[in-house]
């Protein structure tokens, strides 16, 4: 787990949270923060990734019809099945209430902004 061993602290939205099988807002489990500062790396929603399940080097979005990698676990699973290293099949054509995507927002790199002439 991103925080180390599972303990008695509520660290992720899993079946142990007993909140009636639903996702929660990012940040509801601050004790589950990863060392890098990322939240909800396990539990809540399984992360639907762009790379193909059978050939992880292939990363061409959802256009090739192949199953994609699902990472982590969701509110449907207990602590034994939600490790960040968990990897399973995800069908991008199948809607599931426990699939999600991870959006990353970062500040622009100053050297790139100045090279483009941004102010």
PDB file of N, CA and C in Angstrom:
ATOM      1  N   UNK A   1       0.842  -1.183   0.000  1.00  0.00           N
ATOM      2  CA  UNK A   1       0.000   0.000   0.000  1.00  0.00           C
ATOM      3  C   UNK A   1       0.884   1.241   0.000  1.00  0.00           C
ATOM      4  N   UNK A   2       0.419   2.342  -0.543  1.00  0.00           N
ATOM      5  CA  UNK A   2       1.250   3.545  -0.644  1.00  0.00           C
ATOM      6  C   UNK A   2       1.741   4.069   0.698  1.00  0.00           C
ATOM      7  N   UNK A   3       1.052   3.775   1.772  1.00  0.00           N
ATOM      8  CA  UNK A   3       1.406   4.274   3.103  1.00  0.00           C
ATOM      9  C   UNK A   3       2.147   3.240   3.935  1.00  0.00           C
ATOM     10  N   UNK A   4       2.315   2.029   3.437  1.00  0.00           N
ATOM     11  CA  UNK A   4       2.959   0.949   4.192  1.00  0.00           C
ATOM     12  C   UNK A   4       1.960  -0.142   4.500  1.00  0.00           C
ATOM     13  N   UNK A   5       2.025  -0.718   5.686  1.00  0.00           N
ATOM     14  CA  UNK A   5       1.120  -1.806   6.067  1.00  0.00           C
ATOM     15  C   UNK A   5      -0.284  -1.289   6.359  1.00  0.00           C
ATOM     16  N   UNK A   6      -1.264  -2.142   6.076  1.00  0.00           N
ATOM     17  CA  UNK A   6      -2.655  -1.830   6.415  1.00  0.00           C
ATOM     18  C   UNK A   6      -2.778  -1.879   7.930  1.00  0.00           C
ATOM     19  N   UNK A   7      -3.450  -0.913   8.518  1.00  0.00           N
ATOM     20  CA  UNK A   7      -3.632  -0.903   9.971  1.00  0.00           C
ATOM     21  C   UNK A   7      -5.056  -0.485  10.302  1.00  0.00           C
ATOM     22  N   UNK A   8      -5.303  -0.068  11.520  1.00  0.00           N
ATOM     23  CA  UNK A   8      -6.667   0.243  11.954  1.00  0.00           C
ATOM     24  C   UNK A   8      -7.167   1.608  11.490  1.00  0.00           C
ATOM     25  N   UNK A   9      -6.306   2.440  10.909  1.00  0.00           N
ATOM     26  CA  UNK A   9      -6.720   3.766  10.461  1.00  0.00           C
ATOM     27  C   UNK A   9      -7.494   3.670   9.136  1.00  0.00           C
ATOM     28  N   UNK A  10      -8.536   4.462   8.976  1.00  0.00           N
ATOM     29  CA  UNK A  10      -9.255   4.459   7.686  1.00  0.00           C
ATOM     30  C   UNK A  10      -8.399   5.136   6.615  1.00  0.00           C
ATOM     31  N   UNK A  11      -7.859   4.344   5.703  1.00  0.00           N
ATOM     32  CA  UNK A  11      -6.904   4.865   4.727  1.00  0.00           C
ATOM     33  C   UNK A  11      -7.391   4.782   3.288  1.00  0.00           C
ATOM     34  N   UNK A  12      -8.489   4.075   3.027  1.00  0.00           N
ATOM     35  CA  UNK A  12      -8.961   3.921   1.653  1.00  0.00           C
ATOM     36  C   UNK A  12     -10.435   3.540   1.643  1.00  0.00           C
ATOM     37  N   UNK A  13     -11.106   3.878   0.568  1.00  0.00           N
ATOM     38  CA  UNK A  13     -12.509   3.521   0.391  1.00  0.00           C
ATOM     39  C   UNK A  13     -12.580   2.101  -0.163  1.00  0.00           C
ATOM     40  N   UNK A  14     -12.694   1.144   0.752  1.00  0.00           N
ATOM     41  CA  UNK A  14     -12.833  -0.270   0.421  1.00  0.00           C
ATOM     42  C   UNK A  14     -14.090  -0.785   1.112  1.00  0.00           C
ATOM     43  N   UNK A  15     -14.384  -2.061   0.979  1.00  0.00           N
ATOM     44  CA  UNK A  15     -15.583  -2.596   1.633  1.00  0.00           C
ATOM     45  C   UNK A  15     -15.525  -2.415   3.144  1.00  0.00           C
ATOM     46  N   UNK A  16     -14.313  -2.355   3.701  1.00  0.00           N
ATOM     47  CA  UNK A  16     -14.184  -2.152   5.145  1.00  0.00           C
ATOM     48  C   UNK A  16     -14.730  -0.787   5.580  1.00  0.00           C
ATOM     49  N   UNK A  17     -14.795   0.175   4.667  1.00  0.00           N
ATOM     50  CA  UNK A  17     -15.302   1.509   4.998  1.00  0.00           C
ATOM     51  C   UNK A  17     -16.813   1.487   5.241  1.00  0.00           C
ATOM     52  N   UNK A  18     -17.497   0.487   4.693  1.00  0.00           N
ATOM     53  CA  UNK A  18     -18.944   0.313   4.884  1.00  0.00           C
ATOM     54  C   UNK A  18     -19.750   1.566   4.558  1.00  0.00           C
ATOM     55  N   UNK A  19     -19.480   2.160   3.398  1.00  0.00           N
ATOM     56  CA  UNK A  19     -20.261   3.351   3.021  1.00  0.00           C
ATOM     57  C   UNK A  19     -21.213   3.047   1.869  1.00  0.00           C
ATOM     58  N   UNK A  20     -21.675   1.826   1.807  1.00  0.00           N
ATOM     59  CA  UNK A  20     -22.732   1.423   0.874  1.00  0.00           C
ATOM     60  C   UNK A  20     -22.325   1.447  -0.593  1.00  0.00           C
ATOM     61  N   UNK A  21     -21.190   0.899  -0.899  1.00  0.00           N
ATOM     62  CA  UNK A  21     -20.766   0.704  -2.292  1.00  0.00           C
ATOM     63  C   UNK A  21     -20.889   1.947  -3.162  1.00  0.00           C
ATOM     64  N   UNK A  22     -20.137   2.961  -2.817  1.00  0.00           N
ATOM     65  CA  UNK A  22     -20.105   4.168  -3.651  1.00  0.00           C
ATOM     66  C   UNK A  22     -18.732   4.810  -3.566  1.00  0.00           C
ATOM     67  N   UNK A  23     -18.417   5.596  -4.577  1.00  0.00           N
ATOM     68  CA  UNK A  23     -17.131   6.288  -4.579  1.00  0.00           C
ATOM     69  C   UNK A  23     -17.220   7.529  -3.695  1.00  0.00           C
ATOM     70  N   UNK A  24     -16.075   8.056  -3.356  1.00  0.00           N
ATOM     71  CA  UNK A  24     -16.007   9.256  -2.527  1.00  0.00           C
ATOM     72  C   UNK A  24     -15.150  10.302  -3.232  1.00  0.00           C
ATOM     73  N   UNK A  25     -15.224  11.524  -2.770  1.00  0.00           N
ATOM     74  CA  UNK A  25     -14.403  12.603  -3.321  1.00  0.00           C
ATOM     75  C   UNK A  25     -12.933  12.337  -3.007  1.00  0.00           C
ATOM     76  N   UNK A  26     -12.067  12.720  -3.910  1.00  0.00           N
ATOM     77  CA  UNK A  26     -10.627  12.582  -3.685  1.00  0.00           C
ATOM     78  C   UNK A  26     -10.252  13.376  -2.445  1.00  0.00           C
ATOM     79  N   UNK A  27      -9.457  12.768  -1.585  1.00  0.00           N
ATOM     80  CA  UNK A  27      -9.000  13.440  -0.373  1.00  0.00           C
ATOM     81  C   UNK A  27      -9.773  13.086   0.872  1.00  0.00           C
ATOM     82  N   UNK A  28     -10.792  12.242   0.754  1.00  0.00           N
ATOM     83  CA  UNK A  28     -11.587  11.858   1.926  1.00  0.00           C
ATOM     84  C   UNK A  28     -10.800  10.953   2.876  1.00  0.00           C
ATOM     85  N   UNK A  29      -9.689  10.411   2.411  1.00  0.00           N
ATOM     86  CA  UNK A  29      -8.860   9.521   3.220  1.00  0.00           C
ATOM     87  C   UNK A  29      -7.435  10.064   3.284  1.00  0.00           C
ATOM     88  N   UNK A  30      -7.228  11.167   3.992  1.00  0.00           N
ATOM     89  CA  UNK A  30      -5.897  11.784   4.029  1.00  0.00           C
ATOM     90  C   UNK A  30      -4.834  10.899   4.669  1.00  0.00           C
ATOM     91  N   UNK A  31      -5.229   9.927   5.507  1.00  0.00           N
ATOM     92  CA  UNK A  31      -4.250   9.014   6.113  1.00  0.00           C
ATOM     93  C   UNK A  31      -3.700   8.015   5.090  1.00  0.00           C
ATOM     94  N   UNK A  32      -4.323   7.949   3.903  1.00  0.00           N
ATOM     95  CA  UNK A  32      -3.883   7.026   2.871  1.00  0.00           C
ATOM     96  C   UNK A  32      -3.009   7.671   1.819  1.00  0.00           C
ATOM     97  N   UNK A  33      -2.468   8.835   2.112  1.00  0.00           N
ATOM     98  CA  UNK A  33      -1.643   9.543   1.132  1.00  0.00           C
ATOM     99  C   UNK A  33      -0.362   8.761   0.845  1.00  0.00           C
ATOM    100  N   UNK A  34       0.024   8.750  -0.432  1.00  0.00           N
ATOM    101  CA  UNK A  34       1.276   8.101  -0.830  1.00  0.00           C
ATOM    102  C   UNK A  34       2.448   9.000  -0.467  1.00  0.00           C
ATOM    103  N   UNK A  35       3.624   8.442  -0.427  1.00  0.00           N
ATOM    104  CA  UNK A  35       4.825   9.204  -0.085  1.00  0.00           C
ATOM    105  C   UNK A  35       5.033  10.398  -1.027  1.00  0.00           C
ATOM    106  N   UNK A  36       4.614  10.253  -2.273  1.00  0.00           N
ATOM    107  CA  UNK A  36       4.768  11.342  -3.251  1.00  0.00           C
ATOM    108  C   UNK A  36       3.672  12.398  -3.129  1.00  0.00           C
ATOM    109  N   UNK A  37       2.681  12.148  -2.267  1.00  0.00           N
ATOM    110  CA  UNK A  37       1.599  13.104  -2.058  1.00  0.00           C
ATOM    111  C   UNK A  37       0.317  12.757  -2.796  1.00  0.00           C
ATOM    112  N   UNK A  38       0.319  11.710  -3.615  1.00  0.00           N
ATOM    113  CA  UNK A  38      -0.877  11.312  -4.367  1.00  0.00           C
ATOM    114  C   UNK A  38      -1.923  10.722  -3.431  1.00  0.00           C
ATOM    115  N   UNK A  39      -3.166  11.030  -3.701  1.00  0.00           N
ATOM    116  CA  UNK A  39      -4.280  10.544  -2.900  1.00  0.00           C
ATOM    117  C   UNK A  39      -5.040   9.453  -3.646  1.00  0.00           C
ATOM    118  N   UNK A  40      -5.685   8.580  -2.889  1.00  0.00           N
ATOM    119  CA  UNK A  40      -6.567   7.541  -3.437  1.00  0.00           C
ATOM    120  C   UNK A  40      -5.884   6.645  -4.461  1.00  0.00           C
ATOM    121  N   UNK A  41      -4.668   6.227  -4.170  1.00  0.00           N
ATOM    122  CA  UNK A  41      -3.965   5.307  -5.065  1.00  0.00           C
ATOM    123  C   UNK A  41      -4.516   3.887  -4.937  1.00  0.00           C
ATOM    124  N   UNK A  42      -5.223   3.604  -3.867  1.00  0.00           N
ATOM    125  CA  UNK A  42      -5.904   2.321  -3.692  1.00  0.00           C
ATOM    126  C   UNK A  42      -7.320   2.606  -3.215  1.00  0.00           C
ATOM    127  N   UNK A  43      -8.216   1.674  -3.492  1.00  0.00           N
ATOM    128  CA  UNK A  43      -9.602   1.867  -3.097  1.00  0.00           C
ATOM    129  C   UNK A  43     -10.288   2.905  -3.970  1.00  0.00           C
ATOM    130  N   UNK A  44     -11.490   3.244  -3.599  1.00  0.00           N
ATOM    131  CA  UNK A  44     -12.338   4.214  -4.279  1.00  0.00           C
ATOM    132  C   UNK A  44     -12.673   3.739  -5.689  1.00  0.00           C
ATOM    133  N   UNK A  45     -11.850   4.043  -6.691  1.00  0.00           N
ATOM    134  CA  UNK A  45     -12.095   3.605  -8.068  1.00  0.00           C
ATOM    135  C   UNK A  45     -10.863   2.913  -8.633  1.00  0.00           C
ATOM    136  N   UNK A  46     -11.088   1.882  -9.445  1.00  0.00           N
ATOM    137  CA  UNK A  46      -9.977   1.251 -10.153  1.00  0.00           C
ATOM    138  C   UNK A  46      -9.570   2.183 -11.286  1.00  0.00           C
ATOM    139  N   UNK A  47      -8.276   2.340 -11.491  1.00  0.00           N
ATOM    140  CA  UNK A  47      -7.768   3.256 -12.514  1.00  0.00           C
ATOM    141  C   UNK A  47      -7.669   2.550 -13.861  1.00  0.00           C
ATOM    142  N   UNK A  48      -8.464   3.011 -14.826  1.00  0.00           N
ATOM    143  CA  UNK A  48      -8.410   2.488 -16.178  1.00  0.00           C
ATOM    144  C   UNK A  48      -7.280   3.190 -16.907  1.00  0.00           C
ATOM    145  N   UNK A  49      -6.239   2.437 -17.257  1.00  0.00           N
ATOM    146  CA  UNK A  49      -5.036   2.991 -17.886  1.00  0.00           C
ATOM    147  C   UNK A  49      -5.116   2.866 -19.403  1.00  0.00           C
ATOM    148  N   UNK A  50      -4.242   3.561 -20.113  1.00  0.00           N
ATOM    149  CA  UNK A  50      -4.231   3.503 -21.567  1.00  0.00           C
ATOM    150  C   UNK A  50      -3.475   2.309 -22.124  1.00  0.00           C
ATOM    151  N   UNK A  51      -2.559   1.728 -21.349  1.00  0.00           N
ATOM    152  CA  UNK A  51      -1.748   0.644 -21.918  1.00  0.00           C
ATOM    153  C   UNK A  51      -2.540  -0.663 -22.012  1.00  0.00           C
ATOM    154  N   UNK A  52      -2.239  -1.433 -23.080  1.00  0.00           N
ATOM    155  CA  UNK A  52      -2.901  -2.715 -23.311  1.00  0.00           C
ATOM    156  C   UNK A  52      -2.546  -3.710 -22.220  1.00  0.00           C
ATOM    157  N   UNK A  53      -3.485  -4.530 -21.832  1.00  0.00           N
ATOM    158  CA  UNK A  53      -3.276  -5.533 -20.779  1.00  0.00           C
ATOM    159  C   UNK A  53      -2.268  -6.585 -21.227  1.00  0.00           C
ATOM    160  N   UNK A  54      -2.385  -7.059 -22.448  1.00  0.00           N
ATOM    161  CA  UNK A  54      -1.516  -8.146 -22.907  1.00  0.00           C
ATOM    162  C   UNK A  54      -0.172  -7.675 -23.440  1.00  0.00           C
ATOM    163  N   UNK A  55      -0.057  -6.396 -23.760  1.00  0.00           N
ATOM    164  CA  UNK A  55       1.205  -5.840 -24.251  1.00  0.00           C
ATOM    165  C   UNK A  55       1.328  -4.419 -23.693  1.00  0.00           C
ATOM    166  N   UNK A  56       1.799  -4.279 -22.431  1.00  0.00           N
ATOM    167  CA  UNK A  56       1.805  -2.982 -21.747  1.00  0.00           C
ATOM    168  C   UNK A  56       2.598  -1.886 -22.444  1.00  0.00           C
ATOM    169  N   UNK A  57       3.461  -2.247 -23.400  1.00  0.00           N
ATOM    170  CA  UNK A  57       4.227  -1.230 -24.122  1.00  0.00           C
ATOM    171  C   UNK A  57       3.324  -0.460 -25.089  1.00  0.00           C
ATOM    172  N   UNK A  58       2.243  -1.104 -25.550  1.00  0.00           N
ATOM    173  CA  UNK A  58       1.312  -0.456 -26.471  1.00  0.00           C
ATOM    174  C   UNK A  58       0.466   0.534 -25.698  1.00  0.00           C
ATOM    175  N   UNK A  59       0.601   1.809 -26.053  1.00  0.00           N
ATOM    176  CA  UNK A  59      -0.150   2.871 -25.375  1.00  0.00           C
ATOM    177  C   UNK A  59      -0.762   3.762 -26.452  1.00  0.00           C
ATOM    178  N   UNK A  60      -1.837   3.289 -27.055  1.00  0.00           N
ATOM    179  CA  UNK A  60      -2.475   4.121 -28.068  1.00  0.00           C
ATOM    180  C   UNK A  60      -3.936   4.383 -27.718  1.00  0.00           C
ATOM    181  N   UNK A  61      -4.145   4.694 -26.464  1.00  0.00           N
ATOM    182  CA  UNK A  61      -5.491   5.053 -26.035  1.00  0.00           C
ATOM    183  C   UNK A  61      -6.462   3.911 -26.170  1.00  0.00           C
ATOM    184  N   UNK A  62      -7.663   4.238 -26.545  1.00  0.00           N
ATOM    185  CA  UNK A  62      -8.729   3.241 -26.607  1.00  0.00           C
ATOM    186  C   UNK A  62      -9.104   2.893 -28.035  1.00  0.00           C
ATOM    187  N   UNK A  63      -8.259   3.240 -28.997  1.00  0.00           N
ATOM    188  CA  UNK A  63      -8.619   3.070 -30.399  1.00  0.00           C
ATOM    189  C   UNK A  63      -8.379   1.676 -30.956  1.00  0.00           C
ATOM    190  N   UNK A  64      -7.618   0.835 -30.282  1.00  0.00           N
ATOM    191  CA  UNK A  64      -7.299  -0.462 -30.884  1.00  0.00           C
ATOM    192  C   UNK A  64      -8.208  -1.603 -30.411  1.00  0.00           C
ATOM    193  N   UNK A  65      -9.154  -1.340 -29.543  1.00  0.00           N
ATOM    194  CA  UNK A  65     -10.121  -2.356 -29.133  1.00  0.00           C
ATOM    195  C   UNK A  65      -9.601  -3.407 -28.176  1.00  0.00           C
ATOM    196  N   UNK A  66      -8.370  -3.281 -27.698  1.00  0.00           N
ATOM    197  CA  UNK A  66      -7.791  -4.260 -26.776  1.00  0.00           C
ATOM    198  C   UNK A  66      -8.187  -3.938 -25.331  1.00  0.00           C
ATOM    199  N   UNK A  67      -8.163  -4.966 -24.486  1.00  0.00           N
ATOM    200  CA  UNK A  67      -8.388  -4.743 -23.059  1.00  0.00           C
ATOM    201  C   UNK A  67      -7.248  -3.902 -22.501  1.00  0.00           C
ATOM    202  N   UNK A  68      -7.554  -3.028 -21.580  1.00  0.00           N
ATOM    203  CA  UNK A  68      -6.574  -2.135 -20.974  1.00  0.00           C
ATOM    204  C   UNK A  68      -6.267  -2.593 -19.549  1.00  0.00           C
ATOM    205  N   UNK A  69      -5.226  -2.023 -18.977  1.00  0.00           N
ATOM    206  CA  UNK A  69      -4.830  -2.338 -17.612  1.00  0.00           C
ATOM    207  C   UNK A  69      -5.737  -1.577 -16.645  1.00  0.00           C
ATOM    208  N   UNK A  70      -6.199  -2.268 -15.623  1.00  0.00           N
ATOM    209  CA  UNK A  70      -6.890  -1.655 -14.495  1.00  0.00           C
ATOM    210  C   UNK A  70      -5.952  -1.746 -13.308  1.00  0.00           C
ATOM    211  N   UNK A  71      -5.713  -0.640 -12.628  1.00  0.00           N
ATOM    212  CA  UNK A  71      -4.803  -0.607 -11.477  1.00  0.00           C
ATOM    213  C   UNK A  71      -5.562  -0.323 -10.193  1.00  0.00           C
ATOM    214  N   UNK A  72      -4.989  -0.798  -9.108  1.00  0.00           N
ATOM    215  CA  UNK A  72      -5.566  -0.543  -7.789  1.00  0.00           C
ATOM    216  C   UNK A  72      -6.845  -1.329  -7.590  1.00  0.00           C
ATOM    217  N   UNK A  73      -7.660  -0.871  -6.689  1.00  0.00           N
ATOM    218  CA  UNK A  73      -8.922  -1.525  -6.408  1.00  0.00           C
ATOM    219  C   UNK A  73      -9.995  -0.487  -6.200  1.00  0.00           C
ATOM    220  N   UNK A  74     -11.186  -0.941  -5.864  1.00  0.00           N
ATOM    221  CA  UNK A  74     -12.300  -0.005  -5.726  1.00  0.00           C
ATOM    222  C   UNK A  74     -13.074  -0.244  -4.434  1.00  0.00           C
ATOM    223  N   UNK A  75     -14.130   0.517  -4.281  1.00  0.00           N
ATOM    224  CA  UNK A  75     -15.007   0.380  -3.117  1.00  0.00           C
ATOM    225  C   UNK A  75     -15.712  -0.967  -3.092  1.00  0.00           C
ATOM    226  N   UNK A  76     -15.725  -1.691  -4.215  1.00  0.00           N
ATOM    227  CA  UNK A  76     -16.327  -3.024  -4.279  1.00  0.00           C
ATOM    228  C   UNK A  76     -15.436  -4.107  -3.674  1.00  0.00           C
ATOM    229  N   UNK A  77     -14.166  -3.798  -3.412  1.00  0.00           N
ATOM    230  CA  UNK A  77     -13.200  -4.811  -2.995  1.00  0.00           C
ATOM    231  C   UNK A  77     -12.705  -4.572  -1.577  1.00  0.00           C
ATOM    232  N   UNK A  78     -12.248  -5.636  -0.925  1.00  0.00           N
ATOM    233  CA  UNK A  78     -11.692  -5.477   0.427  1.00  0.00           C
ATOM    234  C   UNK A  78     -10.191  -5.215   0.339  1.00  0.00           C
ATOM    235  N   UNK A  79      -9.601  -4.953   1.482  1.00  0.00           N
ATOM    236  CA  UNK A  79      -8.192  -4.543   1.552  1.00  0.00           C
ATOM    237  C   UNK A  79      -7.227  -5.536   0.926  1.00  0.00           C
ATOM    238  N   UNK A  80      -7.607  -6.793   0.819  1.00  0.00           N
ATOM    239  CA  UNK A  80      -6.715  -7.795   0.241  1.00  0.00           C
ATOM    240  C   UNK A  80      -6.585  -7.685  -1.279  1.00  0.00           C
ATOM    241  N   UNK A  81      -7.457  -6.907  -1.924  1.00  0.00           N
ATOM    242  CA  UNK A  81      -7.468  -6.841  -3.392  1.00  0.00           C
ATOM    243  C   UNK A  81      -7.328  -5.424  -3.939  1.00  0.00           C
ATOM    244  N   UNK A  82      -6.861  -4.477  -3.128  1.00  0.00           N
ATOM    245  CA  UNK A  82      -6.795  -3.090  -3.591  1.00  0.00           C
ATOM    246  C   UNK A  82      -5.385  -2.510  -3.650  1.00  0.00           C
ATOM    247  N   UNK A  83      -4.374  -3.315  -3.520  1.00  0.00           N
ATOM    248  CA  UNK A  83      -3.002  -2.789  -3.552  1.00  0.00           C
ATOM    249  C   UNK A  83      -2.767  -2.008  -4.840  1.00  0.00           C
ATOM    250  N   UNK A  84      -1.956  -0.971  -4.767  1.00  0.00           N
ATOM    251  CA  UNK A  84      -1.649  -0.160  -5.942  1.00  0.00           C
ATOM    252  C   UNK A  84      -1.003  -1.010  -7.036  1.00  0.00           C
ATOM    253  N   UNK A  85      -0.350  -2.088  -6.655  1.00  0.00           N
ATOM    254  CA  UNK A  85       0.295  -2.969  -7.631  1.00  0.00           C
ATOM    255  C   UNK A  85      -0.687  -3.938  -8.283  1.00  0.00           C
ATOM    256  N   UNK A  86      -1.932  -3.961  -7.819  1.00  0.00           N
ATOM    257  CA  UNK A  86      -2.939  -4.834  -8.400  1.00  0.00           C
ATOM    258  C   UNK A  86      -3.143  -4.477  -9.868  1.00  0.00           C
ATOM    259  N   UNK A  87      -3.212  -5.493 -10.715  1.00  0.00           N
ATOM    260  CA  UNK A  87      -3.340  -5.279 -12.156  1.00  0.00           C
ATOM    261  C   UNK A  87      -4.347  -6.271 -12.702  1.00  0.00           C
ATOM    262  N   UNK A  88      -5.380  -5.766 -13.383  1.00  0.00           N
ATOM    263  CA  UNK A  88      -6.383  -6.648 -13.957  1.00  0.00           C
ATOM    264  C   UNK A  88      -6.833  -6.115 -15.310  1.00  0.00           C
ATOM    265  N   UNK A  89      -7.782  -6.827 -15.942  1.00  0.00           N
ATOM    266  CA  UNK A  89      -8.296  -6.441 -17.256  1.00  0.00           C
ATOM    267  C   UNK A  89      -9.343  -5.357 -17.143  1.00  0.00           C
ATOM    268  N   UNK A  90      -9.303  -4.409 -18.055  1.00  0.00           N
ATOM    269  CA  UNK A  90     -10.340  -3.396 -18.136  1.00  0.00           C
ATOM    270  C   UNK A  90     -10.817  -3.259 -19.560  1.00  0.00           C
ATOM    271  N   UNK A  91     -12.110  -3.331 -19.767  1.00  0.00           N
ATOM    272  CA  UNK A  91     -12.678  -3.169 -21.091  1.00  0.00           C
ATOM    273  C   UNK A  91     -13.169  -1.735 -21.230  1.00  0.00           C
ATOM    274  N   UNK A  92     -12.505  -0.918 -22.070  1.00  0.00           N
ATOM    275  CA  UNK A  92     -12.902   0.483 -22.193  1.00  0.00           C
ATOM    276  C   UNK A  92     -14.288   0.663 -22.807  1.00  0.00           C
ATOM    277  N   UNK A  93     -14.842  -0.396 -23.432  1.00  0.00           N
ATOM    278  CA  UNK A  93     -16.180  -0.311 -24.009  1.00  0.00           C
ATOM    279  C   UNK A  93     -17.268  -0.667 -22.996  1.00  0.00           C
ATOM    280  N   UNK A  94     -16.870  -1.085 -21.800  1.00  0.00           N
ATOM    281  CA  UNK A  94     -17.820  -1.499 -20.772  1.00  0.00           C
ATOM    282  C   UNK A  94     -17.854  -0.450 -19.668  1.00  0.00           C
ATOM    283  N   UNK A  95     -18.998   0.101 -19.423  1.00  0.00           N
ATOM    284  CA  UNK A  95     -19.120   1.083 -18.348  1.00  0.00           C
ATOM    285  C   UNK A  95     -19.244   0.388 -17.005  1.00  0.00           C
ATOM    286  N   UNK A  96     -18.507   0.848 -16.036  1.00  0.00           N
ATOM    287  CA  UNK A  96     -18.564   0.271 -14.698  1.00  0.00           C
ATOM    288  C   UNK A  96     -18.523   1.402 -13.686  1.00  0.00           C
ATOM    289  N   UNK A  97     -19.307   1.271 -12.641  1.00  0.00           N
ATOM    290  CA  UNK A  97     -19.334   2.332 -11.624  1.00  0.00           C
ATOM    291  C   UNK A  97     -18.120   2.309 -10.715  1.00  0.00           C
ATOM    292  N   UNK A  98     -17.181   1.391 -10.959  1.00  0.00           N
ATOM    293  CA  UNK A  98     -15.953   1.423 -10.154  1.00  0.00           C
ATOM    294  C   UNK A  98     -14.703   1.627 -10.996  1.00  0.00           C
ATOM    295  N   UNK A  99     -14.847   2.047 -12.261  1.00  0.00           N
ATOM    296  CA  UNK A  99     -13.718   2.451 -13.103  1.00  0.00           C
ATOM    297  C   UNK A  99     -13.557   3.965 -12.997  1.00  0.00           C
ATOM    298  N   UNK A 100     -12.328   4.425 -13.063  1.00  0.00           N
ATOM    299  CA  UNK A 100     -12.056   5.849 -13.111  1.00  0.00           C
ATOM    300  C   UNK A 100     -10.756   6.083 -13.852  1.00  0.00           C
ATOM    301  N   UNK A 101     -10.381   7.329 -13.985  1.00  0.00           N
ATOM    302  CA  UNK A 101      -9.101   7.688 -14.582  1.00  0.00           C
ATOM    303  C   UNK A 101      -8.415   8.648 -13.627  1.00  0.00           C
ATOM    304  N   UNK A 102      -7.114   8.735 -13.710  1.00  0.00           N
ATOM    305  CA  UNK A 102      -6.353   9.646 -12.853  1.00  0.00           C
ATOM    306  C   UNK A 102      -5.923  10.844 -13.681  1.00  0.00           C
ATOM    307  N   UNK A 103      -6.342  12.002 -13.247  1.00  0.00           N
ATOM    308  CA  UNK A 103      -5.936  13.241 -13.898  1.00  0.00           C
ATOM    309  C   UNK A 103      -4.795  13.849 -13.103  1.00  0.00           C
ATOM    310  N   UNK A 104      -3.764  14.248 -13.792  1.00  0.00           N
ATOM    311  CA  UNK A 104      -2.621  14.854 -13.133  1.00  0.00           C
ATOM    312  C   UNK A 104      -2.481  16.281 -13.643  1.00  0.00           C
ATOM    313  N   UNK A 105      -2.429  17.213 -12.719  1.00  0.00           N
ATOM    314  CA  UNK A 105      -2.261  18.616 -13.060  1.00  0.00           C
ATOM    315  C   UNK A 105      -0.964  19.076 -12.427  1.00  0.00           C
ATOM    316  N   UNK A 106      -0.117  19.691 -13.226  1.00  0.00           N
ATOM    317  CA  UNK A 106       1.173  20.154 -12.720  1.00  0.00           C
ATOM    318  C   UNK A 106       1.429  21.568 -13.212  1.00  0.00           C
ATOM    319  N   UNK A 107       2.219  22.288 -12.465  1.00  0.00           N
ATOM    320  CA  UNK A 107       2.620  23.626 -12.884  1.00  0.00           C
ATOM    321  C   UNK A 107       3.511  23.507 -14.106  1.00  0.00           C
ATOM    322  N   UNK A 108       3.448  24.474 -15.025  1.00  0.00           N
ATOM    323  CA  UNK A 108       4.325  24.421 -16.200  1.00  0.00           C
ATOM    324  C   UNK A 108       5.791  24.485 -15.797  1.00  0.00           C
ATOM    325  N   UNK A 109       6.613  23.825 -16.567  1.00  0.00           N
ATOM    326  CA  UNK A 109       8.054  23.862 -16.328  1.00  0.00           C
ATOM    327  C   UNK A 109       8.569  25.202 -16.837  1.00  0.00           C
ATOM    328  N   UNK A 110       9.199  25.956 -15.972  1.00  0.00           N
ATOM    329  CA  UNK A 110       9.623  27.316 -16.293  1.00  0.00           C
ATOM    330  C   UNK A 110      10.482  27.380 -17.554  1.00  0.00           C
ATOM    331  N   UNK A 111      11.406  26.461 -17.726  1.00  0.00           N
ATOM    332  CA  UNK A 111      12.296  26.506 -18.893  1.00  0.00           C
ATOM    333  C   UNK A 111      11.523  26.300 -20.183  1.00  0.00           C
ATOM    334  N   UNK A 112      10.461  25.498 -20.166  1.00  0.00           N
ATOM    335  CA  UNK A 112       9.650  25.287 -21.357  1.00  0.00           C
ATOM    336  C   UNK A 112       8.804  26.527 -21.670  1.00  0.00           C
ATOM    337  N   UNK A 113       8.256  27.134 -20.604  1.00  0.00           N
ATOM    338  CA  UNK A 113       7.445  28.335 -20.800  1.00  0.00           C
ATOM    339  C   UNK A 113       8.279  29.467 -21.390  1.00  0.00           C
ATOM    340  N   UNK A 114       9.499  29.647 -20.910  1.00  0.00           N
ATOM    341  CA  UNK A 114      10.331  30.735 -21.431  1.00  0.00           C
ATOM    342  C   UNK A 114      10.785  30.433 -22.861  1.00  0.00           C
ATOM    343  N   UNK A 115      10.988  29.174 -23.197  1.00  0.00           N
ATOM    344  CA  UNK A 115      11.384  28.809 -24.553  1.00  0.00           C
ATOM    345  C   UNK A 115      10.265  29.081 -25.554  1.00  0.00           C
ATOM    346  N   UNK A 116       9.006  28.956 -25.083  1.00  0.00           N
ATOM    347  CA  UNK A 116       7.867  29.229 -25.961  1.00  0.00           C
ATOM    348  C   UNK A 116       7.532  30.715 -25.995  1.00  0.00           C
ATOM    349  N   UNK A 117       8.114  31.491 -25.094  1.00  0.00           N
ATOM    350  CA  UNK A 117       7.812  32.914 -25.027  1.00  0.00           C
ATOM    351  C   UNK A 117       6.623  33.240 -24.151  1.00  0.00           C
ATOM    352  N   UNK A 118       6.167  32.260 -23.312  1.00  0.00           N
ATOM    353  CA  UNK A 118       5.064  32.526 -22.387  1.00  0.00           C
ATOM    354  C   UNK A 118       5.476  33.521 -21.336  1.00  0.00           C
ATOM    355  N   UNK A 119       4.547  34.272 -20.883  1.00  0.00           N
ATOM    356  CA  UNK A 119       4.817  35.252 -19.820  1.00  0.00           C
ATOM    357  C   UNK A 119       4.393  34.716 -18.478  1.00  0.00           C
TER     358      UNK A 119
END
